Amino acid sequence: MSFFIDATQVRILQLLARGHESKAISGMLLMSDTTVKINLRVARGALGAKSTIQAVAIATAKGIISPLED
C-alpha cells in the first residue's frame, strides 16, 4: 500500500495519539476545527483507515508517528 500524508496531517495524528481532541488541536495549530477534520479525513483515506483511531494505529505501526515523541 502506498500513501502520502503531509506534515500537518502527521502532526494532527500525533496530537490525537496523545489524547487531544480535534477542537483542542485546532487551537494548538491555529486552524479551524473544520480544517482539522478535513485533514483527518484526507489522512484516513491516504492510510486506508476506516476510522480516526485506525488511522492513528496504522500511522504508529508504520512508524509515521510516535505518540511519545514531539
N, C-alpha and C. Protein backbone atom coordinates (compact mmCIF):
# COMPACT_ATOMS: atom_id res chain seq x y z
N MET A 1 0.85 -1.17 0.00
CA MET A 1 0.00 0.00 0.00
C MET A 1 0.90 1.24 0.00
N SER A 2 0.62 2.16 -0.88
CA SER A 2 1.36 3.42 -0.87
C SER A 2 0.43 4.52 -0.38
N PHE A 3 1.02 5.46 0.30
CA PHE A 3 0.22 6.55 0.84
C PHE A 3 1.09 7.78 1.00
N PHE A 4 0.43 8.92 1.08
CA PHE A 4 1.13 10.16 1.34
C PHE A 4 0.28 11.01 2.26
N ILE A 5 0.86 11.39 3.38
CA ILE A 5 0.21 12.36 4.25
C ILE A 5 1.22 13.46 4.52
N ASP A 6 0.73 14.68 4.58
CA ASP A 6 1.65 15.81 4.74
C ASP A 6 1.97 16.06 6.21
N ALA A 7 2.87 17.02 6.45
CA ALA A 7 3.36 17.30 7.80
C ALA A 7 2.23 17.71 8.75
N THR A 8 1.26 18.46 8.25
CA THR A 8 0.14 18.87 9.09
C THR A 8 -0.68 17.67 9.53
N GLN A 9 -0.93 16.77 8.61
CA GLN A 9 -1.70 15.58 8.93
C GLN A 9 -0.94 14.70 9.93
N VAL A 10 0.36 14.60 9.77
CA VAL A 10 1.18 13.84 10.71
C VAL A 10 1.08 14.46 12.10
N ARG A 11 1.20 15.77 12.18
CA ARG A 11 1.14 16.47 13.47
C ARG A 11 -0.23 16.26 14.13
N ILE A 12 -1.30 16.34 13.35
CA ILE A 12 -2.64 16.12 13.89
C ILE A 12 -2.76 14.69 14.43
N LEU A 13 -2.28 13.72 13.69
CA LEU A 13 -2.33 12.33 14.15
C LEU A 13 -1.51 12.14 15.42
N GLN A 14 -0.35 12.80 15.51
CA GLN A 14 0.46 12.72 16.72
C GLN A 14 -0.29 13.27 17.93
N LEU A 15 -0.92 14.41 17.74
CA LEU A 15 -1.66 15.02 18.84
C LEU A 15 -2.86 14.17 19.25
N LEU A 16 -3.53 13.57 18.29
CA LEU A 16 -4.63 12.66 18.60
C LEU A 16 -4.13 11.46 19.39
N ALA A 17 -2.98 10.93 18.99
CA ALA A 17 -2.41 9.77 19.67
C ALA A 17 -2.09 10.09 21.12
N ARG A 18 -1.85 11.35 21.41
CA ARG A 18 -1.56 11.79 22.78
C ARG A 18 -2.81 12.14 23.57
N GLY A 19 -3.97 11.96 22.95
CA GLY A 19 -5.22 12.15 23.66
C GLY A 19 -5.91 13.48 23.49
N HIS A 20 -5.39 14.34 22.62
CA HIS A 20 -6.03 15.63 22.39
C HIS A 20 -7.23 15.47 21.46
N GLU A 21 -8.26 16.26 21.70
CA GLU A 21 -9.44 16.26 20.84
C GLU A 21 -9.25 17.26 19.70
N SER A 22 -10.01 17.10 18.64
CA SER A 22 -9.82 17.95 17.45
C SER A 22 -10.02 19.43 17.76
N LYS A 23 -10.91 19.76 18.65
CA LYS A 23 -11.13 21.17 19.00
C LYS A 23 -9.88 21.76 19.66
N ALA A 24 -9.25 21.01 20.54
CA ALA A 24 -8.02 21.46 21.19
C ALA A 24 -6.88 21.55 20.17
N ILE A 25 -6.83 20.59 19.26
CA ILE A 25 -5.79 20.58 18.23
C ILE A 25 -5.93 21.81 17.34
N SER A 26 -7.15 22.18 17.02
CA SER A 26 -7.35 23.37 16.18
C SER A 26 -6.76 24.60 16.84
N GLY A 27 -6.90 24.73 18.14
CA GLY A 27 -6.31 25.85 18.86
C GLY A 27 -4.79 25.78 18.89
N MET A 28 -4.26 24.58 19.09
CA MET A 28 -2.81 24.40 19.13
C MET A 28 -2.15 24.74 17.80
N LEU A 29 -2.82 24.35 16.71
CA LEU A 29 -2.24 24.53 15.38
C LEU A 29 -2.76 25.78 14.67
N LEU A 30 -3.57 26.56 15.38
CA LEU A 30 -4.10 27.82 14.84
C LEU A 30 -4.84 27.63 13.52
N MET A 31 -5.75 26.66 13.54
CA MET A 31 -6.60 26.42 12.37
C MET A 31 -8.00 26.09 12.86
N SER A 32 -8.95 26.17 11.98
CA SER A 32 -10.33 25.89 12.38
C SER A 32 -10.52 24.40 12.65
N ASP A 33 -11.54 24.11 13.45
CA ASP A 33 -11.87 22.72 13.73
C ASP A 33 -12.23 21.99 12.44
N THR A 34 -12.87 22.69 11.52
CA THR A 34 -13.22 22.11 10.22
C THR A 34 -11.97 21.72 9.44
N THR A 35 -10.95 22.57 9.47
CA THR A 35 -9.70 22.26 8.78
C THR A 35 -9.03 21.03 9.38
N VAL A 36 -9.06 20.91 10.69
CA VAL A 36 -8.51 19.73 11.35
C VAL A 36 -9.26 18.49 10.88
N LYS A 37 -10.58 18.56 10.85
CA LYS A 37 -11.39 17.41 10.44
C LYS A 37 -11.16 17.04 8.98
N ILE A 38 -10.99 18.03 8.12
CA ILE A 38 -10.69 17.76 6.71
C ILE A 38 -9.34 17.05 6.58
N ASN A 39 -8.34 17.55 7.31
CA ASN A 39 -7.02 16.91 7.28
C ASN A 39 -7.09 15.48 7.79
N LEU A 40 -7.90 15.24 8.80
CA LEU A 40 -8.07 13.87 9.30
C LEU A 40 -8.73 12.97 8.26
N ARG A 41 -9.72 13.50 7.57
CA ARG A 41 -10.40 12.71 6.53
C ARG A 41 -9.43 12.34 5.42
N VAL A 42 -8.60 13.29 5.01
CA VAL A 42 -7.60 13.03 3.97
C VAL A 42 -6.58 12.00 4.46
N ALA A 43 -6.12 12.15 5.70
CA ALA A 43 -5.14 11.20 6.25
C ALA A 43 -5.74 9.81 6.36
N ARG A 44 -7.00 9.71 6.82
CA ARG A 44 -7.66 8.40 6.88
C ARG A 44 -7.70 7.74 5.51
N GLY A 45 -8.07 8.51 4.50
CA GLY A 45 -8.13 7.97 3.15
C GLY A 45 -6.76 7.53 2.65
N ALA A 46 -5.75 8.34 2.89
CA ALA A 46 -4.40 8.00 2.44
C ALA A 46 -3.87 6.75 3.12
N LEU A 47 -4.26 6.56 4.37
CA LEU A 47 -3.79 5.39 5.12
C LEU A 47 -4.69 4.17 4.95
N GLY A 48 -5.82 4.35 4.29
CA GLY A 48 -6.75 3.25 4.10
C GLY A 48 -7.48 2.88 5.38
N ALA A 49 -7.64 3.87 6.27
CA ALA A 49 -8.29 3.63 7.56
C ALA A 49 -9.78 3.94 7.49
N LYS A 50 -10.56 3.19 8.24
CA LYS A 50 -12.00 3.41 8.28
C LYS A 50 -12.40 4.35 9.41
N SER A 51 -11.48 4.60 10.34
CA SER A 51 -11.77 5.49 11.46
C SER A 51 -10.51 6.25 11.83
N THR A 52 -10.68 7.28 12.63
CA THR A 52 -9.54 8.05 13.09
C THR A 52 -8.65 7.21 13.98
N ILE A 53 -9.25 6.41 14.84
CA ILE A 53 -8.47 5.53 15.72
C ILE A 53 -7.63 4.57 14.89
N GLN A 54 -8.22 4.02 13.84
CA GLN A 54 -7.48 3.11 12.97
C GLN A 54 -6.35 3.86 12.26
N ALA A 55 -6.59 5.10 11.86
CA ALA A 55 -5.55 5.90 11.20
C ALA A 55 -4.37 6.12 12.14
N VAL A 56 -4.65 6.42 13.40
CA VAL A 56 -3.58 6.60 14.39
C VAL A 56 -2.81 5.28 14.56
N ALA A 57 -3.53 4.18 14.64
CA ALA A 57 -2.89 2.87 14.81
C ALA A 57 -2.02 2.52 13.60
N ILE A 58 -2.51 2.75 12.41
CA ILE A 58 -1.73 2.46 11.19
C ILE A 58 -0.50 3.35 11.13
N ALA A 59 -0.68 4.64 11.39
CA ALA A 59 0.44 5.58 11.34
C ALA A 59 1.50 5.21 12.37
N THR A 60 1.08 4.75 13.53
CA THR A 60 2.03 4.32 14.55
C THR A 60 2.76 3.06 14.11
N ALA A 61 2.00 2.09 13.62
CA ALA A 61 2.59 0.82 13.19
C ALA A 61 3.58 1.00 12.04
N LYS A 62 3.30 1.95 11.15
CA LYS A 62 4.18 2.20 10.00
C LYS A 62 5.35 3.12 10.35
N GLY A 63 5.38 3.62 11.59
CA GLY A 63 6.47 4.50 12.00
C GLY A 63 6.32 5.93 11.53
N ILE A 64 5.13 6.29 11.07
CA ILE A 64 4.88 7.64 10.61
C ILE A 64 4.80 8.60 11.79
N ILE A 65 4.19 8.12 12.87
CA ILE A 65 4.11 8.92 14.09
C ILE A 65 4.63 8.09 15.25
N SER A 66 5.06 8.79 16.26
CA SER A 66 5.43 8.17 17.52
C SER A 66 4.70 8.96 18.60
N PRO A 67 3.70 8.40 19.21
CA PRO A 67 2.89 9.14 20.17
C PRO A 67 3.68 9.70 21.35
N LEU A 68 4.86 9.16 21.60
CA LEU A 68 5.62 9.60 22.76
C LEU A 68 6.66 10.65 22.45
N GLU A 69 6.85 11.00 21.19
CA GLU A 69 7.87 11.97 20.81
C GLU A 69 7.22 13.19 20.16
N ASP A 70 7.92 14.32 20.25
CA ASP A 70 7.46 15.55 19.56
C ASP A 70 8.03 15.61 18.19
